[in-house]
Amino acid sequence: MRGLALSLFMLASCRALVTPAPTGPDPALYWPMQAGQNLQFELKMGTQEQTQVVQLTHQEGPWIFDDRGQRFRYDGLGLFDSRRYLIKRPLVVGSQWMSVPQPGVVERFSIAGVARPCAAPHGSIKDCLVVEARQNIDKKRTLLTRWWYGRGLGPLRIDTFIQDSSGRLEPKSSILRALED
């Protein structure tokens, strides 16, 4: 009887350690990265506009590097950039996670949309993932960054805002990806 009780206890303990299967789509569906990929972006900040091309240059093991020195990898949880998860499972609206990319900086991420139409000018793309990150600037203001990833396409739009204590958003910049025809 004692052996049976011990066996049942061990079985229950093992079952508690099993991680539930992730829900929602695979994060890699929203940015199928590959070395050699070029991404052209238009940065708009006030009246200033600038074009920037980012190239994913090579892969070393699970890491994909870009020409700016950043690196990215997918693992079982999501897309990691060596400091934080940019996309993290489960991909369901309201899912949240935190990151501390450097001392004194706390980013609070959330999934704001899944399989929804993209914002203009990419409104014809009907399946976008929307990720938001908030970082306190001071006691009254928060930096809000909103990423739009198109399924099978990668990042399409990155908007930054300053949000005041009343919730009002002041646009700061937009980065729009130019898609090839």
C-alpha atoms as a PDB file:
ATOM      1  CA  MET A   1       0.000   0.000   0.000  1.00  0.00           C
ATOM      2  CA  ARG A   2       2.837   2.349   0.860  1.00  0.00           C
ATOM      3  CA  GLY A   3       4.447   1.688  -2.553  1.00  0.00           C
ATOM      4  CA  LEU A   4       1.168   2.469  -4.317  1.00  0.00           C
ATOM      5  CA  ALA A   5       0.813   5.769  -2.449  1.00  0.00           C
ATOM      6  CA  LEU A   6       4.390   6.729  -3.315  1.00  0.00           C
ATOM      7  CA  SER A   7       3.809   5.839  -6.984  1.00  0.00           C
ATOM      8  CA  LEU A   8       0.631   7.933  -7.129  1.00  0.00           C
ATOM      9  CA  PHE A   9       2.430  10.873  -5.501  1.00  0.00           C
ATOM     10  CA  MET A  10       5.298  10.672  -8.011  1.00  0.00           C
ATOM     11  CA  LEU A  11       2.862  10.408 -10.931  1.00  0.00           C
ATOM     12  CA  ALA A  12       0.960  13.479  -9.724  1.00  0.00           C
ATOM     13  CA  SER A  13       4.238  15.389  -9.255  1.00  0.00           C
ATOM     14  CA  CYS A  14       5.389  14.565 -12.779  1.00  0.00           C
ATOM     15  CA  ARG A  15       2.049  15.579 -14.234  1.00  0.00           C
ATOM     16  CA  ALA A  16       2.304  18.985 -12.514  1.00  0.00           C
ATOM     17  CA  LEU A  17       5.663  19.601 -14.242  1.00  0.00           C
ATOM     18  CA  VAL A  18       4.281  19.065 -17.749  1.00  0.00           C
ATOM     19  CA  THR A  19       4.025  22.375 -19.621  1.00  0.00           C
ATOM     20  CA  PRO A  20       0.696  22.855 -21.361  1.00  0.00           C
ATOM     21  CA  ALA A  21       0.784  23.054 -25.150  1.00  0.00           C
ATOM     22  CA  PRO A  22       1.022  26.639 -26.430  1.00  0.00           C
ATOM     23  CA  THR A  23      -2.167  28.138 -27.805  1.00  0.00           C
ATOM     24  CA  GLY A  24      -2.577  30.328 -30.838  1.00  0.00           C
ATOM     25  CA  PRO A  25      -0.458  30.315 -33.990  1.00  0.00           C
ATOM     26  CA  ASP A  26       3.282  29.719 -34.111  1.00  0.00           C
ATOM     27  CA  PRO A  27       5.125  33.076 -33.702  1.00  0.00           C
ATOM     28  CA  ALA A  28       7.410  32.205 -36.651  1.00  0.00           C
ATOM     29  CA  LEU A  29       4.382  32.455 -38.961  1.00  0.00           C
ATOM     30  CA  TYR A  30       4.412  36.212 -38.427  1.00  0.00           C
ATOM     31  CA  TRP A  31       8.054  36.675 -39.385  1.00  0.00           C
ATOM     32  CA  PRO A  32       9.547  33.826 -41.386  1.00  0.00           C
ATOM     33  CA  MET A  33      13.148  35.098 -41.167  1.00  0.00           C
ATOM     34  CA  GLN A  34      15.860  33.929 -43.491  1.00  0.00           C
ATOM     35  CA  ALA A  35      19.412  35.067 -44.187  1.00  0.00           C
ATOM     36  CA  GLY A  36      19.604  37.302 -47.243  1.00  0.00           C
ATOM     37  CA  GLN A  37      16.216  38.915 -46.611  1.00  0.00           C
ATOM     38  CA  ASN A  38      16.130  42.701 -47.163  1.00  0.00           C
ATOM     39  CA  LEU A  39      13.535  44.854 -45.422  1.00  0.00           C
ATOM     40  CA  GLN A  40      13.018  48.463 -46.527  1.00  0.00           C
ATOM     41  CA  PHE A  41      11.451  50.849 -44.021  1.00  0.00           C
ATOM     42  CA  GLU A  42      10.297  54.478 -44.203  1.00  0.00           C
ATOM     43  CA  LEU A  43      10.824  56.302 -40.879  1.00  0.00           C
ATOM     44  CA  LYS A  44       8.539  59.279 -40.242  1.00  0.00           C
ATOM     45  CA  MET A  45       9.274  61.464 -37.225  1.00  0.00           C
ATOM     46  CA  GLY A  46       7.420  64.768 -37.291  1.00  0.00           C
ATOM     47  CA  THR A  47       8.246  66.346 -40.639  1.00  0.00           C
ATOM     48  CA  GLN A  48      11.392  64.259 -41.127  1.00  0.00           C
ATOM     49  CA  GLU A  49      11.394  61.170 -43.338  1.00  0.00           C
ATOM     50  CA  GLN A  50      14.189  58.678 -43.857  1.00  0.00           C
ATOM     51  CA  THR A  51      14.525  55.387 -45.761  1.00  0.00           C
ATOM     52  CA  GLN A  52      16.387  52.531 -44.108  1.00  0.00           C
ATOM     53  CA  VAL A  53      17.156  49.068 -45.450  1.00  0.00           C
ATOM     54  CA  VAL A  54      17.829  46.268 -42.978  1.00  0.00           C
ATOM     55  CA  GLN A  55      19.422  43.076 -44.274  1.00  0.00           C
ATOM     56  CA  LEU A  56      19.355  39.758 -42.478  1.00  0.00           C
ATOM     57  CA  THR A  57      22.929  38.833 -43.336  1.00  0.00           C
ATOM     58  CA  HIS A  58      23.643  35.335 -42.034  1.00  0.00           C
ATOM     59  CA  GLN A  59      22.710  32.566 -39.661  1.00  0.00           C
ATOM     60  CA  GLU A  60      24.864  30.984 -36.938  1.00  0.00           C
ATOM     61  CA  GLY A  61      23.126  28.072 -35.268  1.00  0.00           C
ATOM     62  CA  PRO A  62      19.655  29.270 -34.253  1.00  0.00           C
ATOM     63  CA  TRP A  63      20.635  32.973 -34.475  1.00  0.00           C
ATOM     64  CA  ILE A  64      19.916  35.170 -37.504  1.00  0.00           C
ATOM     65  CA  PHE A  65      22.020  38.354 -37.656  1.00  0.00           C
ATOM     66  CA  ASP A  66      21.234  41.653 -39.351  1.00  0.00           C
ATOM     67  CA  ASP A  67      23.605  44.265 -40.763  1.00  0.00           C
ATOM     68  CA  ARG A  68      23.138  46.466 -37.669  1.00  0.00           C
ATOM     69  CA  GLY A  69      24.603  43.860 -35.331  1.00  0.00           C
ATOM     70  CA  GLN A  70      21.317  42.641 -33.887  1.00  0.00           C
ATOM     71  CA  ARG A  71      20.500  38.966 -33.640  1.00  0.00           C
ATOM     72  CA  PHE A  72      17.232  37.056 -33.440  1.00  0.00           C
ATOM     73  CA  ARG A  73      16.146  33.473 -32.819  1.00  0.00           C
ATOM     74  CA  TYR A  74      12.974  31.515 -32.459  1.00  0.00           C
ATOM     75  CA  ASP A  75      12.632  29.043 -29.631  1.00  0.00           C
ATOM     76  CA  GLY A  76       9.664  27.234 -28.132  1.00  0.00           C
ATOM     77  CA  LEU A  77       8.403  30.452 -26.533  1.00  0.00           C
ATOM     78  CA  GLY A  78       8.719  32.963 -29.364  1.00  0.00           C
ATOM     79  CA  LEU A  79      11.016  35.451 -31.099  1.00  0.00           C
ATOM     80  CA  PHE A  80      13.953  36.520 -28.911  1.00  0.00           C
ATOM     81  CA  ASP A  81      16.415  39.330 -29.804  1.00  0.00           C
ATOM     82  CA  SER A  82      19.078  38.427 -27.181  1.00  0.00           C
ATOM     83  CA  ARG A  83      17.570  40.910 -24.681  1.00  0.00           C
ATOM     84  CA  ARG A  84      13.806  40.337 -24.810  1.00  0.00           C
ATOM     85  CA  TYR A  85      11.009  38.417 -26.449  1.00  0.00           C
ATOM     86  CA  LEU A  86       9.524  40.539 -29.243  1.00  0.00           C
ATOM     87  CA  ILE A  87       6.777  37.969 -29.815  1.00  0.00           C
ATOM     88  CA  LYS A  88       5.912  35.438 -27.127  1.00  0.00           C
ATOM     89  CA  ARG A  89       3.432  32.609 -26.791  1.00  0.00           C
ATOM     90  CA  PRO A  90       0.583  32.190 -26.268  1.00  0.00           C
ATOM     91  CA  LEU A  91      -0.531  34.334 -29.206  1.00  0.00           C
ATOM     92  CA  VAL A  92      -3.905  35.221 -27.755  1.00  0.00           C
ATOM     93  CA  VAL A  93      -5.231  38.716 -27.158  1.00  0.00           C
ATOM     94  CA  GLY A  94      -4.417  39.856 -23.632  1.00  0.00           C
ATOM     95  CA  SER A  95      -1.384  37.588 -23.174  1.00  0.00           C
ATOM     96  CA  GLN A  96       1.383  39.508 -21.326  1.00  0.00           C
ATOM     97  CA  TRP A  97       5.082  39.267 -20.478  1.00  0.00           C
ATOM     98  CA  MET A  98       7.807  41.511 -19.100  1.00  0.00           C
ATOM     99  CA  SER A  99      11.419  42.167 -19.936  1.00  0.00           C
ATOM    100  CA  VAL A 100      14.302  44.060 -18.369  1.00  0.00           C
ATOM    101  CA  PRO A 101      16.581  44.778 -21.364  1.00  0.00           C
ATOM    102  CA  GLN A 102      18.936  46.897 -19.239  1.00  0.00           C
ATOM    103  CA  PRO A 103      19.140  47.919 -15.587  1.00  0.00           C
ATOM    104  CA  GLY A 104      16.315  50.262 -14.600  1.00  0.00           C
ATOM    105  CA  VAL A 105      14.276  49.665 -17.772  1.00  0.00           C
ATOM    106  CA  VAL A 106      11.140  47.512 -17.534  1.00  0.00           C
ATOM    107  CA  GLU A 107       9.101  46.762 -20.639  1.00  0.00           C
ATOM    108  CA  ARG A 108       5.584  45.340 -20.316  1.00  0.00           C
ATOM    109  CA  PHE A 109       4.429  43.556 -23.474  1.00  0.00           C
ATOM    110  CA  SER A 110       0.977  42.376 -24.489  1.00  0.00           C
ATOM    111  CA  ILE A 111      -0.704  40.813 -27.496  1.00  0.00           C
ATOM    112  CA  ALA A 112      -3.213  43.430 -28.689  1.00  0.00           C
ATOM    113  CA  GLY A 113      -4.466  41.630 -31.794  1.00  0.00           C
ATOM    114  CA  VAL A 114      -4.220  38.303 -33.610  1.00  0.00           C
ATOM    115  CA  ALA A 115      -5.412  37.551 -37.151  1.00  0.00           C
ATOM    116  CA  ARG A 116      -6.751  41.069 -37.603  1.00  0.00           C
ATOM    117  CA  PRO A 117      -6.444  43.471 -40.541  1.00  0.00           C
ATOM    118  CA  CYS A 118      -3.306  45.604 -40.559  1.00  0.00           C
ATOM    119  CA  ALA A 119      -3.338  49.358 -40.098  1.00  0.00           C
ATOM    120  CA  ALA A 120      -2.926  51.636 -43.126  1.00  0.00           C
ATOM    121  CA  PRO A 121      -1.147  51.580 -45.499  1.00  0.00           C
ATOM    122  CA  HIS A 122      -1.091  47.781 -45.239  1.00  0.00           C
ATOM    123  CA  GLY A 123      -4.853  47.497 -44.744  1.00  0.00           C
ATOM    124  CA  SER A 124      -5.211  44.924 -47.509  1.00  0.00           C
ATOM    125  CA  ILE A 125      -3.344  42.391 -45.336  1.00  0.00           C
ATOM    126  CA  LYS A 126      -6.019  40.650 -43.296  1.00  0.00           C
ATOM    127  CA  ASP A 127      -3.924  38.585 -40.872  1.00  0.00           C
ATOM    128  CA  CYS A 128      -1.692  40.700 -38.647  1.00  0.00           C
ATOM    129  CA  LEU A 129      -0.325  40.191 -35.166  1.00  0.00           C
ATOM    130  CA  VAL A 130      -0.260  43.339 -33.018  1.00  0.00           C
ATOM    131  CA  VAL A 131       2.186  43.503 -30.093  1.00  0.00           C
ATOM    132  CA  GLU A 132       2.358  46.462 -27.706  1.00  0.00           C
ATOM    133  CA  ALA A 133       5.094  47.384 -25.246  1.00  0.00           C
ATOM    134  CA  ARG A 134       4.889  49.967 -22.504  1.00  0.00           C
ATOM    135  CA  GLN A 135       7.802  51.526 -20.662  1.00  0.00           C
ATOM    136  CA  ASN A 136       7.458  54.218 -17.986  1.00  0.00           C
ATOM    137  CA  ILE A 137       9.185  57.497 -18.795  1.00  0.00           C
ATOM    138  CA  ASP A 138       8.235  59.166 -15.515  1.00  0.00           C
ATOM    139  CA  LYS A 139       5.276  59.089 -13.102  1.00  0.00           C
ATOM    140  CA  LYS A 140       2.915  60.685 -15.623  1.00  0.00           C
ATOM    141  CA  ARG A 141       4.091  59.439 -19.024  1.00  0.00           C
ATOM    142  CA  THR A 142       4.588  56.089 -20.715  1.00  0.00           C
ATOM    143  CA  LEU A 143       6.318  55.189 -23.962  1.00  0.00           C
ATOM    144  CA  LEU A 144       3.997  52.947 -26.006  1.00  0.00           C
ATOM    145  CA  THR A 145       5.405  51.025 -28.962  1.00  0.00           C
ATOM    146  CA  ARG A 146       3.047  49.082 -31.237  1.00  0.00           C
ATOM    147  CA  TRP A 147       4.362  46.494 -33.742  1.00  0.00           C
ATOM    148  CA  TRP A 148       2.262  45.124 -36.623  1.00  0.00           C
ATOM    149  CA  TYR A 149       3.507  41.810 -38.067  1.00  0.00           C
ATOM    150  CA  GLY A 150       1.891  40.454 -41.256  1.00  0.00           C
ATOM    151  CA  ARG A 151       1.468  36.686 -41.428  1.00  0.00           C
ATOM    152  CA  GLY A 152       4.202  35.378 -43.723  1.00  0.00           C
ATOM    153  CA  LEU A 153       5.671  38.882 -44.132  1.00  0.00           C
ATOM    154  CA  GLY A 154       7.286  40.042 -40.881  1.00  0.00           C
ATOM    155  CA  PRO A 155       7.212  43.562 -39.412  1.00  0.00           C
ATOM    156  CA  LEU A 156       5.060  45.985 -41.411  1.00  0.00           C
ATOM    157  CA  ARG A 157       4.620  48.932 -39.079  1.00  0.00           C
ATOM    158  CA  ILE A 158       6.116  50.181 -35.810  1.00  0.00           C
ATOM    159  CA  ASP A 159       4.445  53.156 -34.130  1.00  0.00           C
ATOM    160  CA  THR A 160       5.637  54.961 -31.012  1.00  0.00           C
ATOM    161  CA  PHE A 161       3.544  57.212 -28.805  1.00  0.00           C
ATOM    162  CA  ILE A 162       3.830  59.061 -25.531  1.00  0.00           C
ATOM    163  CA  GLN A 163       0.808  58.234 -23.378  1.00  0.00           C
ATOM    164  CA  ASP A 164      -0.103  60.625 -20.574  1.00  0.00           C
ATOM    165  CA  SER A 165      -1.868  59.740 -17.312  1.00  0.00           C
ATOM    166  CA  SER A 166      -5.287  60.454 -18.893  1.00  0.00           C
ATOM    167  CA  GLY A 167      -4.579  57.847 -21.599  1.00  0.00           C
ATOM    168  CA  ARG A 168      -4.143  60.385 -24.402  1.00  0.00           C
ATOM    169  CA  LEU A 169      -1.641  59.261 -27.064  1.00  0.00           C
ATOM    170  CA  GLU A 170       0.795  61.687 -28.674  1.00  0.00           C
ATOM    171  CA  PRO A 171       2.284  60.149 -31.864  1.00  0.00           C
ATOM    172  CA  LYS A 172       6.090  60.300 -31.958  1.00  0.00           C
ATOM    173  CA  SER A 173       7.166  58.184 -34.921  1.00  0.00           C
ATOM    174  CA  SER A 174       6.060  55.627 -37.475  1.00  0.00           C
ATOM    175  CA  ILE A 175       8.184  53.140 -39.292  1.00  0.00           C
ATOM    176  CA  LEU A 176       6.442  51.660 -42.331  1.00  0.00           C
ATOM    177  CA  ARG A 177       7.739  48.760 -44.332  1.00  0.00           C
ATOM    178  CA  ALA A 178       7.683  49.042 -48.100  1.00  0.00           C
ATOM    179  CA  LEU A 179       6.483  45.769 -49.620  1.00  0.00           C
ATOM    180  CA  GLU A 180       7.744  44.595 -52.978  1.00  0.00           C
ATOM    181  CA  ASP A 181       5.087  44.397 -55.681  1.00  0.00           C
END
